[in-house]
PDB file of N, CA and C in Angstrom:
ATOM      1  N   UNK A   1     122.239 104.035  77.312  1.00  0.00           N
ATOM      2  CA  UNK A   1     121.509 103.601  78.435  1.00  0.00           C
ATOM      3  C   UNK A   1     120.058 103.210  78.073  1.00  0.00           C
ATOM      4  N   UNK A   2     119.623 102.360  79.142  1.00  0.00           N
ATOM      5  CA  UNK A   2     118.199 101.764  78.869  1.00  0.00           C
ATOM      6  C   UNK A   2     117.480 102.624  80.072  1.00  0.00           C
ATOM      7  N   UNK A   3     116.409 103.354  79.689  1.00  0.00           N
ATOM      8  CA  UNK A   3     115.443 103.808  80.744  1.00  0.00           C
ATOM      9  C   UNK A   3     114.624 102.808  81.227  1.00  0.00           C
ATOM     10  N   UNK A   4     114.273 102.960  82.449  1.00  0.00           N
ATOM     11  CA  UNK A   4     113.452 101.915  83.171  1.00  0.00           C
ATOM     12  C   UNK A   4     112.440 102.618  84.007  1.00  0.00           C
ATOM     13  N   UNK A   5     111.254 102.064  83.951  1.00  0.00           N
ATOM     14  CA  UNK A   5     110.069 102.592  84.852  1.00  0.00           C
ATOM     15  C   UNK A   5     109.401 101.430  85.457  1.00  0.00           C
ATOM     16  N   UNK A   6     109.493 101.236  86.752  1.00  0.00           N
ATOM     17  CA  UNK A   6     108.825 100.247  87.506  1.00  0.00           C
ATOM     18  C   UNK A   6     107.370 100.694  87.856  1.00  0.00           C
ATOM     19  N   UNK A   7     106.614  99.871  88.092  1.00  0.00           N
ATOM     20  CA  UNK A   7     105.234  99.941  88.615  1.00  0.00           C
ATOM     21  C   UNK A   7     104.734  98.871  89.238  1.00  0.00           C
ATOM     22  N   UNK A   8     103.615  98.805  89.949  1.00  0.00           N
ATOM     23  CA  UNK A   8     102.670  97.733  90.582  1.00  0.00           C
ATOM     24  C   UNK A   8     103.065  97.537  91.983  1.00  0.00           C
ATOM     25  N   UNK A   9     103.872  98.192  92.681  1.00  0.00           N
ATOM     26  CA  UNK A   9     104.181  98.070  94.049  1.00  0.00           C
ATOM     27  C   UNK A   9     102.852  98.450  94.889  1.00  0.00           C
ATOM     28  N   UNK A  10     102.888  98.189  96.330  1.00  0.00           N
ATOM     29  CA  UNK A  10     101.972  98.647  97.021  1.00  0.00           C
ATOM     30  C   UNK A  10     101.818  97.961  98.514  1.00  0.00           C
ATOM     31  N   UNK A  11     100.935  98.119  99.125  1.00  0.00           N
ATOM     32  CA  UNK A  11     100.826  97.552 100.626  1.00  0.00           C
ATOM     33  C   UNK A  11      99.847  96.380 100.622  1.00  0.00           C
ATOM     34  N   UNK A  12     100.394  95.145 100.880  1.00  0.00           N
ATOM     35  CA  UNK A  12      99.694  94.029 100.963  1.00  0.00           C
ATOM     36  C   UNK A  12      99.803  93.250 102.325  1.00  0.00           C
ATOM     37  N   UNK A  13      98.909  92.263 102.626  1.00  0.00           N
ATOM     38  CA  UNK A  13      99.099  91.495 103.746  1.00  0.00           C
ATOM     39  C   UNK A  13      99.906  90.318 103.519  1.00  0.00           C
ATOM     40  N   UNK A  14     100.488  89.641 104.503  1.00  0.00           N
ATOM     41  CA  UNK A  14     101.149  88.434 104.250  1.00  0.00           C
ATOM     42  C   UNK A  14     100.339  87.425 103.504  1.00  0.00           C
ATOM     43  N   UNK A  15     100.915  86.554 102.543  1.00  0.00           N
ATOM     44  CA  UNK A  15     100.165  85.692 101.765  1.00  0.00           C
ATOM     45  C   UNK A  15      99.590  86.199 100.555  1.00  0.00           C
ATOM     46  N   UNK A  16      99.472  87.501 100.334  1.00  0.00           N
ATOM     47  CA  UNK A  16      98.795  88.028  99.178  1.00  0.00           C
ATOM     48  C   UNK A  16      99.755  88.156  98.185  1.00  0.00           C
ATOM     49  N   UNK A  17      99.325  88.543  96.924  1.00  0.00           N
ATOM     50  CA  UNK A  17     100.167  88.588  95.726  1.00  0.00           C
ATOM     51  C   UNK A  17     100.341  90.103  95.213  1.00  0.00           C
ATOM     52  N   UNK A  18     101.261  90.322  94.377  1.00  0.00           N
ATOM     53  CA  UNK A  18     101.512  91.480  93.663  1.00  0.00           C
ATOM     54  C   UNK A  18     102.060  91.156  92.309  1.00  0.00           C
ATOM     55  N   UNK A  19     101.867  91.962  91.230  1.00  0.00           N
ATOM     56  CA  UNK A  19     102.560  91.762  90.048  1.00  0.00           C
ATOM     57  C   UNK A  19     103.075  93.136  89.782  1.00  0.00           C
ATOM     58  N   UNK A  20     104.489  93.089  89.529  1.00  0.00           N
ATOM     59  CA  UNK A  20     105.213  94.296  89.354  1.00  0.00           C
ATOM     60  C   UNK A  20     105.420  94.295  87.603  1.00  0.00           C
ATOM     61  N   UNK A  21     105.603  95.625  87.107  1.00  0.00           N
ATOM     62  CA  UNK A  21     105.956  95.694  85.825  1.00  0.00           C
ATOM     63  C   UNK A  21     107.152  96.705  85.528  1.00  0.00           C
ATOM     64  N   UNK A  22     107.868  96.472  84.509  1.00  0.00           N
ATOM     65  CA  UNK A  22     109.034  97.265  84.249  1.00  0.00           C
ATOM     66  C   UNK A  22     109.142  97.759  82.803  1.00  0.00           C
ATOM     67  N   UNK A  23     108.898  98.895  82.489  1.00  0.00           N
ATOM     68  CA  UNK A  23     108.889  99.176  80.944  1.00  0.00           C
ATOM     69  C   UNK A  23     110.212  99.739  80.695  1.00  0.00           C
ATOM     70  N   UNK A  24     110.825  99.147  79.649  1.00  0.00           N
ATOM     71  CA  UNK A  24     112.293  99.669  79.298  1.00  0.00           C
ATOM     72  C   UNK A  24     112.155 100.253  77.918  1.00  0.00           C
ATOM     73  N   UNK A  25     113.192 101.227  77.752  1.00  0.00           N
ATOM     74  CA  UNK A  25     113.314 101.829  76.392  1.00  0.00           C
ATOM     75  C   UNK A  25     114.391 101.068  75.868  1.00  0.00           C
ATOM     76  N   UNK A  26     114.709 101.348  74.521  1.00  0.00           N
ATOM     77  CA  UNK A  26     116.055 100.823  73.797  1.00  0.00           C
ATOM     78  C   UNK A  26     115.780  99.533  73.147  1.00  0.00           C
ATOM     79  N   UNK A  27     116.566  99.536  72.089  1.00  0.00           N
ATOM     80  CA  UNK A  27     116.396  98.469  71.120  1.00  0.00           C
ATOM     81  C   UNK A  27     117.264  97.222  71.689  1.00  0.00           C
ATOM     82  N   UNK A  28     118.019  97.400  72.741  1.00  0.00           N
ATOM     83  CA  UNK A  28     118.832  96.290  73.227  1.00  0.00           C
ATOM     84  C   UNK A  28     118.019  95.424  74.241  1.00  0.00           C
ATOM     85  N   UNK A  29     116.853  95.910  74.553  1.00  0.00           N
ATOM     86  CA  UNK A  29     115.889  95.073  75.497  1.00  0.00           C
ATOM     87  C   UNK A  29     115.924  93.535  75.111  1.00  0.00           C
ATOM     88  N   UNK A  30     115.397  93.387  73.866  1.00  0.00           N
ATOM     89  CA  UNK A  30     115.033  91.923  73.549  1.00  0.00           C
ATOM     90  C   UNK A  30     116.290  91.039  73.600  1.00  0.00           C
ATOM     91  N   UNK A  31     117.581  91.664  73.516  1.00  0.00           N
ATOM     92  CA  UNK A  31     118.745  90.955  73.403  1.00  0.00           C
ATOM     93  C   UNK A  31     119.473  90.680  74.829  1.00  0.00           C
ATOM     94  N   UNK A  32     118.811  91.367  75.837  1.00  0.00           N
ATOM     95  CA  UNK A  32     119.397  91.628  76.922  1.00  0.00           C
ATOM     96  C   UNK A  32     118.937  90.665  78.096  1.00  0.00           C
ATOM     97  N   UNK A  33     119.772  90.259  78.904  1.00  0.00           N
ATOM     98  CA  UNK A  33     119.320  89.503  80.244  1.00  0.00           C
ATOM     99  C   UNK A  33     118.737  90.651  81.145  1.00  0.00           C
ATOM    100  N   UNK A  34     117.584  90.462  81.678  1.00  0.00           N
ATOM    101  CA  UNK A  34     116.898  91.362  82.720  1.00  0.00           C
ATOM    102  C   UNK A  34     116.652  90.779  84.050  1.00  0.00           C
ATOM    103  N   UNK A  35     116.638  91.693  85.109  1.00  0.00           N
ATOM    104  CA  UNK A  35     116.500  91.154  86.289  1.00  0.00           C
ATOM    105  C   UNK A  35     115.658  92.059  87.323  1.00  0.00           C
ATOM    106  N   UNK A  36     115.013  91.561  88.294  1.00  0.00           N
ATOM    107  CA  UNK A  36     114.546  92.235  89.361  1.00  0.00           C
ATOM    108  C   UNK A  36     115.391  92.230  90.621  1.00  0.00           C
ATOM    109  N   UNK A  37     115.761  93.424  91.076  1.00  0.00           N
ATOM    110  CA  UNK A  37     116.452  93.580  92.310  1.00  0.00           C
ATOM    111  C   UNK A  37     115.673  94.079  93.525  1.00  0.00           C
ATOM    112  N   UNK A  38     116.175  94.053  94.573  1.00  0.00           N
ATOM    113  CA  UNK A  38     115.344  94.615  95.707  1.00  0.00           C
ATOM    114  C   UNK A  38     116.339  95.118  96.694  1.00  0.00           C
ATOM    115  N   UNK A  39     115.913  96.144  97.381  1.00  0.00           N
ATOM    116  CA  UNK A  39     116.702  96.691  98.531  1.00  0.00           C
ATOM    117  C   UNK A  39     115.892  97.173  99.642  1.00  0.00           C
ATOM    118  N   UNK A  40     116.118  96.482 100.693  1.00  0.00           N
ATOM    119  CA  UNK A  40     115.406  96.778 102.009  1.00  0.00           C
ATOM    120  C   UNK A  40     116.029  97.845 102.692  1.00  0.00           C
ATOM    121  N   UNK A  41     115.483  98.494 103.632  1.00  0.00           N
ATOM    122  CA  UNK A  41     116.226  99.621 104.288  1.00  0.00           C
ATOM    123  C   UNK A  41     117.418  99.083 105.055  1.00  0.00           C
ATOM    124  N   UNK A  42     118.653  99.628 105.002  1.00  0.00           N
ATOM    125  CA  UNK A  42     119.817  99.304 105.718  1.00  0.00           C
ATOM    126  C   UNK A  42     120.503  98.219 104.929  1.00  0.00           C
ATOM    127  N   UNK A  43     119.996  97.621 103.673  1.00  0.00           N
ATOM    128  CA  UNK A  43     120.623  96.614 103.059  1.00  0.00           C
ATOM    129  C   UNK A  43     121.104  96.792 101.722  1.00  0.00           C
ATOM    130  N   UNK A  44     121.989  96.091 101.239  1.00  0.00           N
ATOM    131  CA  UNK A  44     122.281  96.367  99.880  1.00  0.00           C
ATOM    132  C   UNK A  44     121.355  95.874  98.840  1.00  0.00           C
ATOM    133  N   UNK A  45     121.429  96.256  97.624  1.00  0.00           N
ATOM    134  CA  UNK A  45     120.550  96.020  96.567  1.00  0.00           C
ATOM    135  C   UNK A  45     120.933  94.562  96.157  1.00  0.00           C
ATOM    136  N   UNK A  46     119.996  93.659  96.108  1.00  0.00           N
ATOM    137  CA  UNK A  46     120.339  92.212  95.688  1.00  0.00           C
ATOM    138  C   UNK A  46     119.288  91.867  94.475  1.00  0.00           C
ATOM    139  N   UNK A  47     120.108  91.084  93.655  1.00  0.00           N
ATOM    140  CA  UNK A  47     119.244  90.504  92.475  1.00  0.00           C
ATOM    141  C   UNK A  47     118.405  89.346  93.018  1.00  0.00           C
ATOM    142  N   UNK A  48     117.061  89.322  92.654  1.00  0.00           N
ATOM    143  CA  UNK A  48     116.263  88.162  93.172  1.00  0.00           C
ATOM    144  C   UNK A  48     115.743  87.283  92.180  1.00  0.00           C
ATOM    145  N   UNK A  49     115.673  87.856  90.813  1.00  0.00           N
ATOM    146  CA  UNK A  49     115.212  86.964  89.623  1.00  0.00           C
ATOM    147  C   UNK A  49     115.795  87.541  88.447  1.00  0.00           C
ATOM    148  N   UNK A  50     116.043  86.646  87.627  1.00  0.00           N
ATOM    149  CA  UNK A  50     116.576  87.080  86.090  1.00  0.00           C
ATOM    150  C   UNK A  50     116.058  86.131  85.115  1.00  0.00           C
ATOM    151  N   UNK A  51     115.986  87.006  83.907  1.00  0.00           N
ATOM    152  CA  UNK A  51     115.470  86.165  82.828  1.00  0.00           C
ATOM    153  C   UNK A  51     116.340  86.429  81.539  1.00  0.00           C
ATOM    154  N   UNK A  52     116.787  85.486  80.698  1.00  0.00           N
ATOM    155  CA  UNK A  52     117.778  85.654  79.712  1.00  0.00           C
ATOM    156  C   UNK A  52     116.710  85.903  78.491  1.00  0.00           C
ATOM    157  N   UNK A  53     117.557  86.512  77.424  1.00  0.00           N
ATOM    158  CA  UNK A  53     116.718  86.943  76.430  1.00  0.00           C
ATOM    159  C   UNK A  53     115.989  85.707  75.638  1.00  0.00           C
ATOM    160  N   UNK A  54     116.323  84.415  75.964  1.00  0.00           N
ATOM    161  CA  UNK A  54     115.724  83.355  75.412  1.00  0.00           C
ATOM    162  C   UNK A  54     114.619  82.747  76.391  1.00  0.00           C
ATOM    163  N   UNK A  55     114.599  83.393  77.562  1.00  0.00           N
ATOM    164  CA  UNK A  55     113.524  83.034  78.442  1.00  0.00           C
ATOM    165  C   UNK A  55     113.806  82.214  79.694  1.00  0.00           C
ATOM    166  N   UNK A  56     115.086  81.663  79.619  1.00  0.00           N
ATOM    167  CA  UNK A  56     115.581  81.017  80.764  1.00  0.00           C
ATOM    168  C   UNK A  56     115.642  81.766  82.090  1.00  0.00           C
ATOM    169  N   UNK A  57     115.070  81.334  83.189  1.00  0.00           N
ATOM    170  CA  UNK A  57     115.011  82.092  84.389  1.00  0.00           C
ATOM    171  C   UNK A  57     115.763  81.417  85.522  1.00  0.00           C
ATOM    172  N   UNK A  58     116.117  82.410  86.571  1.00  0.00           N
ATOM    173  CA  UNK A  58     116.813  81.830  87.635  1.00  0.00           C
ATOM    174  C   UNK A  58     116.349  82.791  88.781  1.00  0.00           C
ATOM    175  N   UNK A  59     116.337  82.166  90.003  1.00  0.00           N
ATOM    176  CA  UNK A  59     115.759  83.020  91.271  1.00  0.00           C
ATOM    177  C   UNK A  59     116.694  82.766  92.390  1.00  0.00           C
ATOM    178  N   UNK A  60     116.760  83.766  93.248  1.00  0.00           N
ATOM    179  CA  UNK A  60     117.337  83.551  94.617  1.00  0.00           C
ATOM    180  C   UNK A  60     116.648  82.556  95.433  1.00  0.00           C
ATOM    181  N   UNK A  61     117.308  81.875  96.412  1.00  0.00           N
ATOM    182  CA  UNK A  61     116.532  80.787  97.181  1.00  0.00           C
ATOM    183  C   UNK A  61     115.475  81.593  97.955  1.00  0.00           C
ATOM    184  N   UNK A  62     115.625  82.958  98.228  1.00  0.00           N
ATOM    185  CA  UNK A  62     114.716  83.500  99.183  1.00  0.00           C
ATOM    186  C   UNK A  62     113.265  83.740  98.519  1.00  0.00           C
ATOM    187  N   UNK A  63     113.220  83.525  97.111  1.00  0.00           N
ATOM    188  CA  UNK A  63     111.955  83.800  96.526  1.00  0.00           C
ATOM    189  C   UNK A  63     111.502  82.744  95.469  1.00  0.00           C
ATOM    190  N   UNK A  64     112.340  81.690  95.488  1.00  0.00           N
ATOM    191  CA  UNK A  64     112.166  80.357  94.436  1.00  0.00           C
ATOM    192  C   UNK A  64     110.882  79.740  94.909  1.00  0.00           C
ATOM    193  N   UNK A  65     110.061  79.568  93.971  1.00  0.00           N
ATOM    194  CA  UNK A  65     108.801  78.920  94.200  1.00  0.00           C
ATOM    195  C   UNK A  65     107.687  79.874  94.588  1.00  0.00           C
ATOM    196  N   UNK A  66     107.922  81.084  94.676  1.00  0.00           N
ATOM    197  CA  UNK A  66     107.064  82.204  95.098  1.00  0.00           C
ATOM    198  C   UNK A  66     106.890  83.151  94.083  1.00  0.00           C
ATOM    199  N   UNK A  67     108.107  83.579  93.377  1.00  0.00           N
ATOM    200  CA  UNK A  67     107.998  84.750  92.532  1.00  0.00           C
ATOM    201  C   UNK A  67     108.254  84.104  90.958  1.00  0.00           C
ATOM    202  N   UNK A  68     107.701  84.542  90.054  1.00  0.00           N
ATOM    203  CA  UNK A  68     107.927  84.143  88.742  1.00  0.00           C
ATOM    204  C   UNK A  68     108.244  85.547  87.693  1.00  0.00           C
ATOM    205  N   UNK A  69     109.369  85.416  87.105  1.00  0.00           N
ATOM    206  CA  UNK A  69     109.720  86.499  86.289  1.00  0.00           C
ATOM    207  C   UNK A  69     109.332  86.196  84.953  1.00  0.00           C
ATOM    208  N   UNK A  70     108.910  87.154  84.034  1.00  0.00           N
ATOM    209  CA  UNK A  70     108.568  87.046  82.703  1.00  0.00           C
ATOM    210  C   UNK A  70     108.926  88.196  81.857  1.00  0.00           C
ATOM    211  N   UNK A  71     108.808  87.969  80.657  1.00  0.00           N
ATOM    212  CA  UNK A  71     109.153  89.227  79.695  1.00  0.00           C
ATOM    213  C   UNK A  71     108.104  89.132  78.430  1.00  0.00           C
ATOM    214  N   UNK A  72     107.986  90.459  77.971  1.00  0.00           N
ATOM    215  CA  UNK A  72     107.273  90.500  76.696  1.00  0.00           C
ATOM    216  C   UNK A  72     108.115  91.472  75.843  1.00  0.00           C
ATOM    217  N   UNK A  73     108.943  90.937  74.886  1.00  0.00           N
ATOM    218  CA  UNK A  73     109.961  91.530  74.138  1.00  0.00           C
ATOM    219  C   UNK A  73     109.164  92.476  73.181  1.00  0.00           C
ATOM    220  N   UNK A  74     108.036  92.207  72.705  1.00  0.00           N
ATOM    221  CA  UNK A  74     107.287  93.123  71.836  1.00  0.00           C
ATOM    222  C   UNK A  74     106.854  94.376  72.431  1.00  0.00           C
ATOM    223  N   UNK A  75     106.815  94.249  73.793  1.00  0.00           N
ATOM    224  CA  UNK A  75     106.343  95.519  74.646  1.00  0.00           C
ATOM    225  C   UNK A  75     107.566  96.118  75.324  1.00  0.00           C
ATOM    226  N   UNK A  76     108.678  95.413  75.270  1.00  0.00           N
ATOM    227  CA  UNK A  76     109.844  95.912  76.101  1.00  0.00           C
ATOM    228  C   UNK A  76     109.560  96.069  77.468  1.00  0.00           C
ATOM    229  N   UNK A  77     108.941  94.908  77.996  1.00  0.00           N
ATOM    230  CA  UNK A  77     108.466  94.819  79.509  1.00  0.00           C
ATOM    231  C   UNK A  77     108.863  93.697  80.108  1.00  0.00           C
ATOM    232  N   UNK A  78     109.264  93.797  81.467  1.00  0.00           N
ATOM    233  CA  UNK A  78     109.503  92.574  82.254  1.00  0.00           C
ATOM    234  C   UNK A  78     108.598  92.607  83.449  1.00  0.00           C
ATOM    235  N   UNK A  79     108.134  91.466  83.837  1.00  0.00           N
ATOM    236  CA  UNK A  79     107.191  91.470  84.811  1.00  0.00           C
ATOM    237  C   UNK A  79     107.703  90.618  86.156  1.00  0.00           C
ATOM    238  N   UNK A  80     107.178  90.806  87.249  1.00  0.00           N
ATOM    239  CA  UNK A  80     107.540  89.830  88.367  1.00  0.00           C
ATOM    240  C   UNK A  80     106.212  89.564  89.154  1.00  0.00           C
ATOM    241  N   UNK A  81     105.770  88.328  89.008  1.00  0.00           N
ATOM    242  CA  UNK A  81     104.621  87.832  89.691  1.00  0.00           C
ATOM    243  C   UNK A  81     105.012  87.336  90.990  1.00  0.00           C
ATOM    244  N   UNK A  82     104.531  88.100  92.165  1.00  0.00           N
ATOM    245  CA  UNK A  82     104.981  87.651  93.501  1.00  0.00           C
ATOM    246  C   UNK A  82     103.893  87.204  94.178  1.00  0.00           C
ATOM    247  N   UNK A  83     103.957  85.839  94.659  1.00  0.00           N
ATOM    248  CA  UNK A  83     102.755  85.140  95.345  1.00  0.00           C
ATOM    249  C   UNK A  83     103.341  84.973  96.735  1.00  0.00           C
ATOM    250  N   UNK A  84     102.391  84.445  97.673  1.00  0.00           N
ATOM    251  CA  UNK A  84     102.639  84.215  99.047  1.00  0.00           C
ATOM    252  C   UNK A  84     103.702  85.061  99.719  1.00  0.00           C
ATOM    253  N   UNK A  85     103.350  86.307  99.637  1.00  0.00           N
ATOM    254  CA  UNK A  85     104.275  87.424 100.052  1.00  0.00           C
ATOM    255  C   UNK A  85     104.489  87.381 101.464  1.00  0.00           C
ATOM    256  N   UNK A  86     105.797  87.699 101.950  1.00  0.00           N
ATOM    257  CA  UNK A  86     106.209  87.658 103.408  1.00  0.00           C
ATOM    258  C   UNK A  86     106.665  89.006 103.856  1.00  0.00           C
ATOM    259  N   UNK A  87     106.555  89.272 105.074  1.00  0.00           N
ATOM    260  CA  UNK A  87     107.015  90.522 105.546  1.00  0.00           C
ATOM    261  C   UNK A  87     108.608  90.718 105.100  1.00  0.00           C
ATOM    262  N   UNK A  88     109.197  89.842 105.055  1.00  0.00           N
ATOM    263  CA  UNK A  88     110.748  90.002 104.625  1.00  0.00           C
ATOM    264  C   UNK A  88     110.886  90.211 103.286  1.00  0.00           C
ATOM    265  N   UNK A  89     109.896  90.185 102.338  1.00  0.00           N
ATOM    266  CA  UNK A  89     109.965  90.617 100.921  1.00  0.00           C
ATOM    267  C   UNK A  89     109.698  92.209 100.877  1.00  0.00           C
ATOM    268  N   UNK A  90     109.507  92.994 102.011  1.00  0.00           N
ATOM    269  CA  UNK A  90     109.427  94.411 102.140  1.00  0.00           C
ATOM    270  C   UNK A  90     110.582  94.951 101.620  1.00  0.00           C
ATOM    271  N   UNK A  91     110.553  95.819 100.488  1.00  0.00           N
ATOM    272  CA  UNK A  91     111.682  96.479  99.942  1.00  0.00           C
ATOM    273  C   UNK A  91     111.287  97.334  98.784  1.00  0.00           C
ATOM    274  N   UNK A  92     112.144  98.230  98.201  1.00  0.00           N
ATOM    275  CA  UNK A  92     112.048  98.836  97.005  1.00  0.00           C
ATOM    276  C   UNK A  92     112.427  97.805  95.866  1.00  0.00           C
ATOM    277  N   UNK A  93     111.740  97.500  94.857  1.00  0.00           N
ATOM    278  CA  UNK A  93     111.939  96.733  93.807  1.00  0.00           C
ATOM    279  C   UNK A  93     112.409  97.549  92.545  1.00  0.00           C
ATOM    280  N   UNK A  94     113.510  97.028  91.802  1.00  0.00           N
ATOM    281  CA  UNK A  94     114.041  97.759  90.700  1.00  0.00           C
ATOM    282  C   UNK A  94     114.243  96.606  89.667  1.00  0.00           C
ATOM    283  N   UNK A  95     114.024  97.046  88.478  1.00  0.00           N
ATOM    284  CA  UNK A  95     114.638  96.059  87.287  1.00  0.00           C
ATOM    285  C   UNK A  95     115.716  96.867  86.510  1.00  0.00           C
ATOM    286  N   UNK A  96     116.515  96.018  86.072  1.00  0.00           N
ATOM    287  CA  UNK A  96     117.777  96.508  85.318  1.00  0.00           C
ATOM    288  C   UNK A  96     118.398  95.366  84.477  1.00  0.00           C
ATOM    289  N   UNK A  97     119.195  95.695  83.608  1.00  0.00           N
ATOM    290  CA  UNK A  97     119.935  94.636  82.990  1.00  0.00           C
ATOM    291  C   UNK A  97     120.814  93.846  83.879  1.00  0.00           C
ATOM    292  N   UNK A  98     121.218  92.685  83.463  1.00  0.00           N
ATOM    293  CA  UNK A  98     121.977  91.717  84.330  1.00  0.00           C
ATOM    294  C   UNK A  98     123.315  91.587  83.525  1.00  0.00           C
ATOM    295  N   UNK A  99     124.453  91.785  83.991  1.00  0.00           N
ATOM    296  CA  UNK A  99     124.541  92.660  85.207  1.00  0.00           C
ATOM    297  C   UNK A  99     124.177  94.165  85.260  1.00  0.00           C
ATOM    298  N   UNK A 100     123.899  94.900  86.165  1.00  0.00           N
ATOM    299  CA  UNK A 100     123.320  96.130  86.124  1.00  0.00           C
ATOM    300  C   UNK A 100     124.479  97.104  85.691  1.00  0.00           C
ATOM    301  N   UNK A 101     125.772  96.813  85.846  1.00  0.00           N
ATOM    302  CA  UNK A 101     126.795  97.592  85.275  1.00  0.00           C
ATOM    303  C   UNK A 101     126.657  97.905  83.757  1.00  0.00           C
ATOM    304  N   UNK A 102     125.895  96.953  83.123  1.00  0.00           N
ATOM    305  CA  UNK A 102     125.734  97.256  81.692  1.00  0.00           C
ATOM    306  C   UNK A 102     125.109  98.254  81.309  1.00  0.00           C
ATOM    307  N   UNK A 103     124.289  98.867  82.356  1.00  0.00           N
ATOM    308  CA  UNK A 103     123.367  99.953  82.047  1.00  0.00           C
ATOM    309  C   UNK A 103     124.164 101.362  82.518  1.00  0.00           C
ATOM    310  N   UNK A 104     125.347 101.461  82.718  1.00  0.00           N
ATOM    311  CA  UNK A 104     126.154 102.432  83.072  1.00  0.00           C
ATOM    312  C   UNK A 104     125.784 103.101  84.520  1.00  0.00           C
ATOM    313  N   UNK A 105     125.315 102.341  85.308  1.00  0.00           N
ATOM    314  CA  UNK A 105     124.997 102.889  86.516  1.00  0.00           C
ATOM    315  C   UNK A 105     123.602 103.505  86.763  1.00  0.00           C
ATOM    316  N   UNK A 106     122.744 103.391  85.546  1.00  0.00           N
ATOM    317  CA  UNK A 106     121.505 103.893  85.398  1.00  0.00           C
ATOM    318  C   UNK A 106     120.496 103.136  86.120  1.00  0.00           C
ATOM    319  N   UNK A 107     119.487 103.578  86.971  1.00  0.00           N
ATOM    320  CA  UNK A 107     118.364 102.923  87.466  1.00  0.00           C
ATOM    321  C   UNK A 107     117.052 103.657  87.548  1.00  0.00           C
ATOM    322  N   UNK A 108     116.015 103.021  87.450  1.00  0.00           N
ATOM    323  CA  UNK A 108     114.785 103.594  87.496  1.00  0.00           C
ATOM    324  C   UNK A 108     114.468 104.062  88.975  1.00  0.00           C
ATOM    325  N   UNK A 109     113.254 104.562  89.216  1.00  0.00           N
ATOM    326  CA  UNK A 109     112.923 105.035  90.576  1.00  0.00           C
ATOM    327  C   UNK A 109     112.554 103.941  91.550  1.00  0.00           C
ATOM    328  N   UNK A 110     112.240 102.658  90.908  1.00  0.00           N
ATOM    329  CA  UNK A 110     111.728 101.665  91.833  1.00  0.00           C
ATOM    330  C   UNK A 110     110.352 101.640  92.281  1.00  0.00           C
ATOM    331  N   UNK A 111     109.966 100.568  92.761  1.00  0.00           N
ATOM    332  CA  UNK A 111     108.510 100.566  93.240  1.00  0.00           C
ATOM    333  C   UNK A 111     108.451  99.929  94.613  1.00  0.00           C
ATOM    334  N   UNK A 112     107.887 100.592  95.585  1.00  0.00           N
ATOM    335  CA  UNK A 112     107.789 100.212  96.962  1.00  0.00           C
ATOM    336  C   UNK A 112     106.905  98.853  97.052  1.00  0.00           C
ATOM    337  N   UNK A 113     107.373  97.868  97.723  1.00  0.00           N
ATOM    338  CA  UNK A 113     106.425  96.746  98.195  1.00  0.00           C
ATOM    339  C   UNK A 113     106.467  96.654  99.693  1.00  0.00           C
ATOM    340  N   UNK A 114     105.253  96.705 100.209  1.00  0.00           N
ATOM    341  CA  UNK A 114     105.372  96.656 101.764  1.00  0.00           C
ATOM    342  C   UNK A 114     104.372  95.420 102.199  1.00  0.00           C
ATOM    343  N   UNK A 115     104.967  94.473 102.858  1.00  0.00           N
ATOM    344  CA  UNK A 115     103.937  93.324 103.255  1.00  0.00           C
ATOM    345  C   UNK A 115     103.923  93.306 104.803  1.00  0.00           C
ATOM    346  N   UNK A 116     102.763  93.687 105.214  1.00  0.00           N
ATOM    347  CA  UNK A 116     102.390  93.827 106.633  1.00  0.00           C
ATOM    348  C   UNK A 116     100.968  93.629 106.977  1.00  0.00           C
ATOM    349  N   UNK A 117     100.721  93.044 108.161  1.00  0.00           N
ATOM    350  CA  UNK A 117      99.375  92.721 108.700  1.00  0.00           C
ATOM    351  C   UNK A 117      98.954  93.950 109.521  1.00  0.00           C
TER     352      UNK A 117
END
């Protein structure tokens, strides 16, 4: 299993920015596709951004053009830069392998992002 620790969430106003970080354990990190997922109250957990081991990225339509995923394999860390935040971005954000089933059902604690005026 890969152990995951997310950080960087908080309360911001619409239009502001946040940068999330995810520290991962395990030697497989650099070889693995990683993603940021989010789960709003009453909703299922959705993948919003992914990055392959070679750096190729992809985004859900809801965040494309506003969020940027990146990784530092030397630090076993993946980041999510979130700009122009909207109230509908409010959720708990998690990182994990893509697909998450590769991590045997293990998740970190997540980090809460709240966008509100």
